PDB file of N, CA and C in Angstrom:
ATOM      1  N   MET A   1     -38.702  51.244  42.140  1.00  0.00           N
ATOM      2  CA  MET A   1     -38.684  50.065  42.969  1.00  0.00           C
ATOM      3  C   MET A   1     -39.991  49.945  43.747  1.00  0.00           C
ATOM      4  N   LYS A   2     -40.506  51.092  44.198  1.00  0.00           N
ATOM      5  CA  LYS A   2     -41.747  51.095  44.957  1.00  0.00           C
ATOM      6  C   LYS A   2     -42.900  50.567  44.102  1.00  0.00           C
ATOM      7  N   ARG A   3     -42.920  50.940  42.833  1.00  0.00           N
ATOM      8  CA  ARG A   3     -43.979  50.489  41.933  1.00  0.00           C
ATOM      9  C   ARG A   3     -43.904  48.991  41.707  1.00  0.00           C
ATOM     10  N   MET A   4     -42.694  48.463  41.581  1.00  0.00           N
ATOM     11  CA  MET A   4     -42.547  47.038  41.350  1.00  0.00           C
ATOM     12  C   MET A   4     -43.035  46.242  42.567  1.00  0.00           C
ATOM     13  N   ILE A   5     -42.713  46.712  43.753  1.00  0.00           N
ATOM     14  CA  ILE A   5     -43.173  46.037  44.964  1.00  0.00           C
ATOM     15  C   ILE A   5     -44.685  46.130  45.066  1.00  0.00           C
ATOM     16  N   LEU A   6     -45.233  47.298  44.765  1.00  0.00           N
ATOM     17  CA  LEU A   6     -46.676  47.483  44.798  1.00  0.00           C
ATOM     18  C   LEU A   6     -47.359  46.594  43.756  1.00  0.00           C
ATOM     19  N   GLY A   7     -46.777  46.505  42.580  1.00  0.00           N
ATOM     20  CA  GLY A   7     -47.330  45.649  41.529  1.00  0.00           C
ATOM     21  C   GLY A   7     -47.308  44.180  41.914  1.00  0.00           C
ATOM     22  N   THR A   8     -46.219  43.757  42.518  1.00  0.00           N
ATOM     23  CA  THR A   8     -46.113  42.372  42.968  1.00  0.00           C
ATOM     24  C   THR A   8     -47.140  42.084  44.064  1.00  0.00           C
ATOM     25  N   ALA A   9     -47.290  43.021  44.985  1.00  0.00           N
ATOM     26  CA  ALA A   9     -48.278  42.844  46.047  1.00  0.00           C
ATOM     27  C   ALA A   9     -49.690  42.787  45.463  1.00  0.00           C
ATOM     28  N   PHE A  10     -49.961  43.630  44.485  1.00  0.00           N
ATOM     29  CA  PHE A  10     -51.273  43.636  43.837  1.00  0.00           C
ATOM     30  C   PHE A  10     -51.532  42.308  43.128  1.00  0.00           C
ATOM     31  N   ALA A  11     -50.532  41.809  42.422  1.00  0.00           N
ATOM     32  CA  ALA A  11     -50.682  40.546  41.708  1.00  0.00           C
ATOM     33  C   ALA A  11     -50.910  39.390  42.685  1.00  0.00           C
ATOM     34  N   LEU A  12     -50.173  39.369  43.777  1.00  0.00           N
ATOM     35  CA  LEU A  12     -50.353  38.310  44.771  1.00  0.00           C
ATOM     36  C   LEU A  12     -51.729  38.393  45.429  1.00  0.00           C
ATOM     37  N   ALA A  13     -52.195  39.605  45.674  1.00  0.00           N
ATOM     38  CA  ALA A  13     -53.529  39.768  46.255  1.00  0.00           C
ATOM     39  C   ALA A  13     -54.598  39.277  45.283  1.00  0.00           C
ATOM     40  N   ALA A  14     -54.428  39.595  44.015  1.00  0.00           N
ATOM     41  CA  ALA A  14     -55.398  39.154  43.009  1.00  0.00           C
ATOM     42  C   ALA A  14     -55.385  37.634  42.879  1.00  0.00           C
ATOM     43  N   LEU A  15     -54.217  37.032  42.977  1.00  0.00           N
ATOM     44  CA  LEU A  15     -54.125  35.580  42.878  1.00  0.00           C
ATOM     45  C   LEU A  15     -54.740  34.882  44.082  1.00  0.00           C
ATOM     46  N   SER A  16     -54.630  35.489  45.237  1.00  0.00           N
ATOM     47  CA  SER A  16     -55.189  34.849  46.424  1.00  0.00           C
ATOM     48  C   SER A  16     -56.715  34.875  46.401  1.00  0.00           C
ATOM     49  N   VAL A  17     -57.297  35.841  45.705  1.00  0.00           N
ATOM     50  CA  VAL A  17     -58.751  35.940  45.611  1.00  0.00           C
ATOM     51  C   VAL A  17     -59.292  34.970  44.564  1.00  0.00           C
ATOM     52  N   SER A  18     -58.578  34.814  43.462  1.00  0.00           N
ATOM     53  CA  SER A  18     -59.056  33.959  42.374  1.00  0.00           C
ATOM     54  C   SER A  18     -58.761  32.495  42.673  1.00  0.00           C
ATOM     55  N   GLY A  19     -59.457  31.617  41.974  1.00  0.00           N
ATOM     56  CA  GLY A  19     -59.264  30.189  42.161  1.00  0.00           C
ATOM     57  C   GLY A  19     -57.999  29.709  41.474  1.00  0.00           C
ATOM     58  N   ALA A  20     -57.606  28.498  41.769  1.00  0.00           N
ATOM     59  CA  ALA A  20     -56.380  27.942  41.206  1.00  0.00           C
ATOM     60  C   ALA A  20     -56.499  27.740  39.697  1.00  0.00           C
ATOM     61  N   ALA A  21     -57.680  27.386  39.223  1.00  0.00           N
ATOM     62  CA  ALA A  21     -57.850  27.156  37.794  1.00  0.00           C
ATOM     63  C   ALA A  21     -57.714  28.446  37.008  1.00  0.00           C
ATOM     64  N   GLU A  22     -58.133  29.557  37.583  1.00  0.00           N
ATOM     65  CA  GLU A  22     -58.043  30.836  36.903  1.00  0.00           C
ATOM     66  C   GLU A  22     -56.617  31.378  36.891  1.00  0.00           C
ATOM     67  N   ALA A  23     -55.795  30.946  37.838  1.00  0.00           N
ATOM     68  CA  ALA A  23     -54.450  31.477  37.955  1.00  0.00           C
ATOM     69  C   ALA A  23     -53.468  30.788  37.009  1.00  0.00           C
ATOM     70  N   LYS A  24     -53.903  29.765  36.303  1.00  0.00           N
ATOM     71  CA  LYS A  24     -52.998  29.031  35.435  1.00  0.00           C
ATOM     72  C   LYS A  24     -52.450  29.946  34.344  1.00  0.00           C
ATOM     73  N   GLY A  25     -51.156  30.124  34.318  1.00  0.00           N
ATOM     74  CA  GLY A  25     -50.502  30.984  33.338  1.00  0.00           C
ATOM     75  C   GLY A  25     -50.399  32.429  33.784  1.00  0.00           C
ATOM     76  N   CYS A  26     -51.157  32.811  34.791  1.00  0.00           N
ATOM     77  CA  CYS A  26     -51.199  34.199  35.236  1.00  0.00           C
ATOM     78  C   CYS A  26     -49.934  34.582  36.001  1.00  0.00           C
ATOM     79  N   ILE A  27     -49.453  33.709  36.840  1.00  0.00           N
ATOM     80  CA  ILE A  27     -48.302  34.044  37.677  1.00  0.00           C
ATOM     81  C   ILE A  27     -47.081  34.328  36.817  1.00  0.00           C
ATOM     82  N   LYS A  28     -46.783  33.430  35.899  1.00  0.00           N
ATOM     83  CA  LYS A  28     -45.628  33.616  35.024  1.00  0.00           C
ATOM     84  C   LYS A  28     -45.782  34.876  34.180  1.00  0.00           C
ATOM     85  N   GLY A  29     -46.963  35.083  33.620  1.00  0.00           N
ATOM     86  CA  GLY A  29     -47.207  36.264  32.802  1.00  0.00           C
ATOM     87  C   GLY A  29     -47.122  37.550  33.597  1.00  0.00           C
ATOM     88  N   ALA A  30     -47.630  37.533  34.828  1.00  0.00           N
ATOM     89  CA  ALA A  30     -47.593  38.725  35.670  1.00  0.00           C
ATOM     90  C   ALA A  30     -46.166  39.090  36.048  1.00  0.00           C
ATOM     91  N   ILE A  31     -45.345  38.090  36.309  1.00  0.00           N
ATOM     92  CA  ILE A  31     -43.949  38.363  36.653  1.00  0.00           C
ATOM     93  C   ILE A  31     -43.222  38.980  35.465  1.00  0.00           C
ATOM     94  N   VAL A  32     -43.363  38.356  34.306  1.00  0.00           N
ATOM     95  CA  VAL A  32     -42.688  38.872  33.101  1.00  0.00           C
ATOM     96  C   VAL A  32     -43.236  40.249  32.732  1.00  0.00           C
ATOM     97  N   GLY A  33     -44.554  40.404  32.757  1.00  0.00           N
ATOM     98  CA  GLY A  33     -45.161  41.684  32.423  1.00  0.00           C
ATOM     99  C   GLY A  33     -44.814  42.768  33.419  1.00  0.00           C
ATOM    100  N   GLY A  34     -44.734  42.424  34.694  1.00  0.00           N
ATOM    101  CA  GLY A  34     -44.364  43.399  35.714  1.00  0.00           C
ATOM    102  C   GLY A  34     -42.947  43.895  35.555  1.00  0.00           C
ATOM    103  N   ILE A  35     -42.044  42.991  35.212  1.00  0.00           N
ATOM    104  CA  ILE A  35     -40.647  43.395  35.004  1.00  0.00           C
ATOM    105  C   ILE A  35     -40.527  44.270  33.755  1.00  0.00           C
ATOM    106  N   ALA A  36     -41.167  43.843  32.680  1.00  0.00           N
ATOM    107  CA  ALA A  36     -41.124  44.640  31.451  1.00  0.00           C
ATOM    108  C   ALA A  36     -41.797  45.995  31.661  1.00  0.00           C
ATOM    109  N   GLY A  37     -42.924  45.997  32.357  1.00  0.00           N
ATOM    110  CA  GLY A  37     -43.624  47.240  32.638  1.00  0.00           C
ATOM    111  C   GLY A  37     -42.830  48.153  33.553  1.00  0.00           C
ATOM    112  N   HIS A  38     -42.077  47.572  34.467  1.00  0.00           N
ATOM    113  CA  HIS A  38     -41.242  48.362  35.369  1.00  0.00           C
ATOM    114  C   HIS A  38     -40.226  49.180  34.577  1.00  0.00           C
ATOM    115  N   TYR A  39     -39.610  48.557  33.593  1.00  0.00           N
ATOM    116  CA  TYR A  39     -38.614  49.271  32.785  1.00  0.00           C
ATOM    117  C   TYR A  39     -39.259  50.309  31.876  1.00  0.00           C
ATOM    118  N   ALA A  40     -40.538  50.115  31.549  1.00  0.00           N
ATOM    119  CA  ALA A  40     -41.256  51.091  30.730  1.00  0.00           C
ATOM    120  C   ALA A  40     -41.954  52.134  31.596  1.00  0.00           C
ATOM    121  N   GLY A  41     -41.921  51.964  32.913  1.00  0.00           N
ATOM    122  CA  GLY A  41     -42.549  52.918  33.817  1.00  0.00           C
ATOM    123  C   GLY A  41     -43.991  52.593  34.152  1.00  0.00           C
ATOM    124  N   HIS A  42     -44.451  51.392  33.807  1.00  0.00           N
ATOM    125  CA  HIS A  42     -45.831  50.999  34.054  1.00  0.00           C
ATOM    126  C   HIS A  42     -45.880  49.583  34.604  1.00  0.00           C
ATOM    127  N   GLY A  43     -45.319  49.379  35.779  1.00  0.00           N
ATOM    128  CA  GLY A  43     -45.204  48.042  36.349  1.00  0.00           C
ATOM    129  C   GLY A  43     -46.524  47.361  36.620  1.00  0.00           C
ATOM    130  N   ILE A  44     -47.486  48.090  37.184  1.00  0.00           N
ATOM    131  CA  ILE A  44     -48.769  47.489  37.529  1.00  0.00           C
ATOM    132  C   ILE A  44     -49.539  47.111  36.261  1.00  0.00           C
ATOM    133  N   ALA A  45     -49.541  48.023  35.297  1.00  0.00           N
ATOM    134  CA  ALA A  45     -50.231  47.734  34.033  1.00  0.00           C
ATOM    135  C   ALA A  45     -49.562  46.555  33.318  1.00  0.00           C
ATOM    136  N   GLY A  46     -48.242  46.486  33.379  1.00  0.00           N
ATOM    137  CA  GLY A  46     -47.526  45.376  32.758  1.00  0.00           C
ATOM    138  C   GLY A  46     -47.856  44.048  33.418  1.00  0.00           C
ATOM    139  N   ALA A  47     -47.973  44.055  34.743  1.00  0.00           N
ATOM    140  CA  ALA A  47     -48.315  42.823  35.456  1.00  0.00           C
ATOM    141  C   ALA A  47     -49.728  42.368  35.116  1.00  0.00           C
ATOM    142  N   ALA A  48     -50.646  43.320  35.043  1.00  0.00           N
ATOM    143  CA  ALA A  48     -52.032  42.970  34.708  1.00  0.00           C
ATOM    144  C   ALA A  48     -52.132  42.434  33.281  1.00  0.00           C
ATOM    145  N   ALA A  49     -51.461  43.098  32.351  1.00  0.00           N
ATOM    146  CA  ALA A  49     -51.486  42.636  30.956  1.00  0.00           C
ATOM    147  C   ALA A  49     -50.793  41.284  30.828  1.00  0.00           C
ATOM    148  N   GLY A  50     -49.678  41.106  31.524  1.00  0.00           N
ATOM    149  CA  GLY A  50     -48.970  39.829  31.491  1.00  0.00           C
ATOM    150  C   GLY A  50     -49.816  38.695  32.028  1.00  0.00           C
ATOM    151  N   CYS A  51     -50.575  38.969  33.077  1.00  0.00           N
ATOM    152  CA  CYS A  51     -51.478  37.963  33.638  1.00  0.00           C
ATOM    153  C   CYS A  51     -52.538  37.573  32.617  1.00  0.00           C
ATOM    154  N   ALA A  52     -53.131  38.567  31.973  1.00  0.00           N
ATOM    155  CA  ALA A  52     -54.180  38.291  30.978  1.00  0.00           C
ATOM    156  C   ALA A  52     -53.633  37.487  29.806  1.00  0.00           C
ATOM    157  N   ILE A  53     -52.452  37.857  29.330  1.00  0.00           N
ATOM    158  CA  ILE A  53     -51.853  37.146  28.201  1.00  0.00           C
ATOM    159  C   ILE A  53     -51.461  35.728  28.616  1.00  0.00           C
ATOM    160  N   GLY A  54     -50.911  35.581  29.812  1.00  0.00           N
ATOM    161  CA  GLY A  54     -50.539  34.253  30.303  1.00  0.00           C
ATOM    162  C   GLY A  54     -51.735  33.334  30.425  1.00  0.00           C
ATOM    163  N   ARG A  55     -52.854  33.863  30.919  1.00  0.00           N
ATOM    164  CA  ARG A  55     -54.075  33.057  31.028  1.00  0.00           C
ATOM    165  C   ARG A  55     -54.596  32.676  29.647  1.00  0.00           C
ATOM    166  N   ALA A  56     -54.556  33.618  28.705  1.00  0.00           N
ATOM    167  CA  ALA A  56     -55.046  33.326  27.357  1.00  0.00           C
ATOM    168  C   ALA A  56     -54.212  32.235  26.696  1.00  0.00           C
ATOM    169  N   ARG A  57     -52.898  32.313  26.853  1.00  0.00           N
ATOM    170  CA  ARG A  57     -52.029  31.287  26.264  1.00  0.00           C
ATOM    171  C   ARG A  57     -52.223  29.931  26.925  1.00  0.00           C
ATOM    172  N   ALA A  58     -52.410  29.915  28.245  1.00  0.00           N
ATOM    173  CA  ALA A  58     -52.645  28.647  28.946  1.00  0.00           C
ATOM    174  C   ALA A  58     -53.970  28.031  28.504  1.00  0.00           C
ATOM    175  N   ASN A  59     -54.989  28.873  28.337  1.00  0.00           N
ATOM    176  CA  ASN A  59     -56.289  28.363  27.874  1.00  0.00           C
ATOM    177  C   ASN A  59     -56.186  27.816  26.453  1.00  0.00           C
ATOM    178  N   ALA A  60     -55.446  28.500  25.580  1.00  0.00           N
ATOM    179  CA  ALA A  60     -55.269  28.031  24.205  1.00  0.00           C
ATOM    180  C   ALA A  60     -54.532  26.694  24.182  1.00  0.00           C
ATOM    181  N   LYS A  61     -53.534  26.573  25.045  1.00  0.00           N
ATOM    182  CA  LYS A  61     -52.779  25.320  25.121  1.00  0.00           C
ATOM    183  C   LYS A  61     -53.671  24.179  25.615  1.00  0.00           C
ATOM    184  N   ASP A  62     -54.511  24.466  26.597  1.00  0.00           N
ATOM    185  CA  ASP A  62     -55.438  23.448  27.102  1.00  0.00           C
ATOM    186  C   ASP A  62     -56.451  23.036  26.035  1.00  0.00           C
ATOM    187  N   ARG A  63     -56.971  24.008  25.283  1.00  0.00           N
ATOM    188  CA  ARG A  63     -57.924  23.689  24.210  1.00  0.00           C
ATOM    189  C   ARG A  63     -57.268  22.828  23.146  1.00  0.00           C
ATOM    190  N   ALA A  64     -56.022  23.155  22.781  1.00  0.00           N
ATOM    191  CA  ALA A  64     -55.315  22.367  21.769  1.00  0.00           C
ATOM    192  C   ALA A  64     -55.074  20.943  22.257  1.00  0.00           C
ATOM    193  N   ALA A  65     -54.730  20.789  23.528  1.00  0.00           N
ATOM    194  CA  ALA A  65     -54.505  19.455  24.081  1.00  0.00           C
ATOM    195  C   ALA A  65     -55.802  18.655  24.120  1.00  0.00           C
ATOM    196  N   ALA A  66     -56.908  19.315  24.459  1.00  0.00           N
ATOM    197  CA  ALA A  66     -58.196  18.626  24.497  1.00  0.00           C
ATOM    198  C   ALA A  66     -58.626  18.190  23.095  1.00  0.00           C
ATOM    199  N   GLN A  67     -58.399  19.036  22.110  1.00  0.00           N
ATOM    200  CA  GLN A  67     -58.748  18.698  20.736  1.00  0.00           C
ATOM    201  C   GLN A  67     -57.876  17.563  20.221  1.00  0.00           C
ATOM    202  N   GLN A  68     -56.622  17.549  20.607  1.00  0.00           N
ATOM    203  CA  GLN A  68     -55.719  16.500  20.162  1.00  0.00           C
ATOM    204  C   GLN A  68     -56.134  15.155  20.762  1.00  0.00           C
ATOM    205  N   GLN A  69     -56.592  15.169  21.999  1.00  0.00           N
ATOM    206  CA  GLN A  69     -57.048  13.934  22.635  1.00  0.00           C
ATOM    207  C   GLN A  69     -58.308  13.404  21.968  1.00  0.00           C
ATOM    208  N   GLN A  70     -59.122  14.302  21.430  1.00  0.00           N
ATOM    209  CA  GLN A  70     -60.343  13.897  20.749  1.00  0.00           C
ATOM    210  C   GLN A  70     -60.074  13.506  19.303  1.00  0.00           C
ATOM    211  N   GLY A  71     -58.882  13.748  18.831  1.00  0.00           N
ATOM    212  CA  GLY A  71     -58.535  13.400  17.462  1.00  0.00           C
ATOM    213  C   GLY A  71     -58.855  14.487  16.457  1.00  0.00           C
ATOM    214  N   VAL A  72     -59.194  15.674  16.925  1.00  0.00           N
ATOM    215  CA  VAL A  72     -59.500  16.802  16.050  1.00  0.00           C
ATOM    216  C   VAL A  72     -58.236  17.622  15.874  1.00  0.00           C
ATOM    217  N   ARG A  73     -57.923  17.961  14.635  1.00  0.00           N
ATOM    218  CA  ARG A  73     -56.753  18.770  14.380  1.00  0.00           C
ATOM    219  C   ARG A  73     -57.028  20.204  14.820  1.00  0.00           C
ATOM    220  N   PRO A  74     -56.151  20.803  15.651  1.00  0.00           N
ATOM    221  CA  PRO A  74     -56.411  22.156  16.154  1.00  0.00           C
ATOM    222  C   PRO A  74     -56.332  23.200  15.035  1.00  0.00           C
ATOM    223  N   VAL A  75     -57.194  24.202  15.142  1.00  0.00           N
ATOM    224  CA  VAL A  75     -57.209  25.296  14.191  1.00  0.00           C
ATOM    225  C   VAL A  75     -56.180  26.315  14.633  1.00  0.00           C
ATOM    226  N   MET A  76     -55.258  26.676  13.771  1.00  0.00           N
ATOM    227  CA  MET A  76     -54.211  27.623  14.109  1.00  0.00           C
ATOM    228  C   MET A  76     -54.698  29.036  13.869  1.00  0.00           C
ATOM    229  N   ALA A  77     -54.388  29.942  14.784  1.00  0.00           N
ATOM    230  CA  ALA A  77     -54.769  31.352  14.631  1.00  0.00           C
ATOM    231  C   ALA A  77     -53.817  32.029  13.652  1.00  0.00           C
ATOM    232  N   ARG A  78     -54.355  32.994  12.946  1.00  0.00           N
ATOM    233  CA  ARG A  78     -53.507  33.714  11.982  1.00  0.00           C
ATOM    234  C   ARG A  78     -52.857  34.886  12.608  1.00  0.00           C
TER     235      ARG A  78
END
Protein backbone atom coordinates (compact mmCIF):
# COMPACT_ATOMS: atom_id res chain seq x y z
CA MET A 1 0.00 0.00 0.00
CA LYS A 2 2.88 2.33 0.82
CA ARG A 3 4.36 1.81 -2.65
CA MET A 4 1.07 2.57 -4.35
CA ILE A 5 0.69 5.83 -2.43
CA LEU A 6 4.30 6.73 -3.17
CA GLY A 7 3.80 5.91 -6.85
CA THR A 8 0.67 8.02 -7.04
CA ALA A 9 2.45 10.91 -5.34
CA PHE A 10 5.36 10.56 -7.76
CA ALA A 11 3.03 10.54 -10.76
CA LEU A 12 1.16 13.62 -9.53
CA ALA A 13 4.44 15.43 -8.90
CA ALA A 14 5.64 14.59 -12.40
CA LEU A 15 2.37 15.80 -13.90
CA SER A 16 2.51 19.09 -12.05
CA VAL A 17 5.97 19.79 -13.49
CA SER A 18 5.10 18.89 -17.09
CA GLY A 19 2.83 20.91 -19.34
CA ALA A 20 -0.76 20.02 -20.10
CA ALA A 21 0.04 18.95 -23.66
CA GLU A 22 2.62 16.45 -22.44
CA ALA A 23 0.24 14.95 -19.89
CA LYS A 24 -2.30 13.87 -22.50
CA GLY A 25 -2.81 10.14 -22.04
CA CYS A 26 -0.31 9.99 -19.19
CA ILE A 27 -2.75 10.20 -16.30
CA LYS A 28 -4.91 7.31 -17.45
CA GLY A 29 -1.87 5.20 -18.33
CA ALA A 30 -0.15 5.95 -15.03
CA ILE A 31 -3.21 4.93 -13.04
CA VAL A 32 -3.64 1.65 -14.92
CA GLY A 33 0.10 0.94 -14.92
CA GLY A 34 0.42 1.77 -11.23
CA ILE A 35 -2.37 -0.61 -10.29
CA ALA A 36 -1.00 -3.39 -12.47
CA GLY A 37 2.52 -2.74 -11.19
CA HIS A 38 1.28 -2.78 -7.61
CA TYR A 39 0.01 -6.33 -8.01
CA ALA A 40 3.32 -7.33 -9.63
CA GLY A 41 5.31 -5.62 -6.86
CA HIS A 42 6.55 -2.73 -9.01
CA GLY A 43 4.03 0.08 -8.61
CA ILE A 44 6.31 3.00 -9.44
CA ALA A 45 7.78 1.31 -12.51
CA GLY A 46 4.27 0.36 -13.64
CA ALA A 47 3.06 3.95 -13.29
CA ALA A 48 6.03 5.28 -15.25
CA ALA A 49 5.61 2.70 -18.02
CA GLY A 50 1.85 3.30 -18.11
CA CYS A 51 2.43 7.03 -18.49
CA ALA A 52 4.85 6.48 -21.38
CA ILE A 53 2.49 4.07 -23.14
CA GLY A 54 -0.50 6.36 -22.59
CA ARG A 55 1.38 9.32 -24.08
CA ALA A 56 2.50 7.24 -27.07
CA ARG A 57 -1.05 6.08 -27.78
CA ALA A 58 -2.44 9.61 -27.42
CA ASN A 59 0.20 10.93 -29.82
CA ALA A 60 -0.58 8.17 -32.34
CA LYS A 61 -4.28 8.97 -32.11
CA ASP A 62 -3.58 12.67 -32.67
CA ARG A 63 -1.37 11.91 -35.69
CA ALA A 64 -4.07 9.67 -37.19
CA ALA A 65 -6.70 12.38 -36.69
CA ALA A 66 -4.46 15.00 -38.28
CA GLN A 67 -3.77 12.76 -41.27
CA GLN A 68 -7.47 12.02 -41.67
CA GLN A 69 -8.26 15.74 -41.71
CA GLN A 70 -5.67 16.21 -44.45
CA GLY A 71 -7.18 13.38 -46.46
CA VAL A 72 -4.16 11.09 -46.09
CA ARG A 73 -4.88 7.49 -45.20
CA PRO A 74 -3.05 6.64 -41.94
CA VAL A 75 -0.30 4.04 -42.05
CA MET A 76 -1.07 1.17 -39.69
CA ALA A 77 1.74 -0.23 -37.53
CA ARG A 78 2.46 -3.92 -37.76
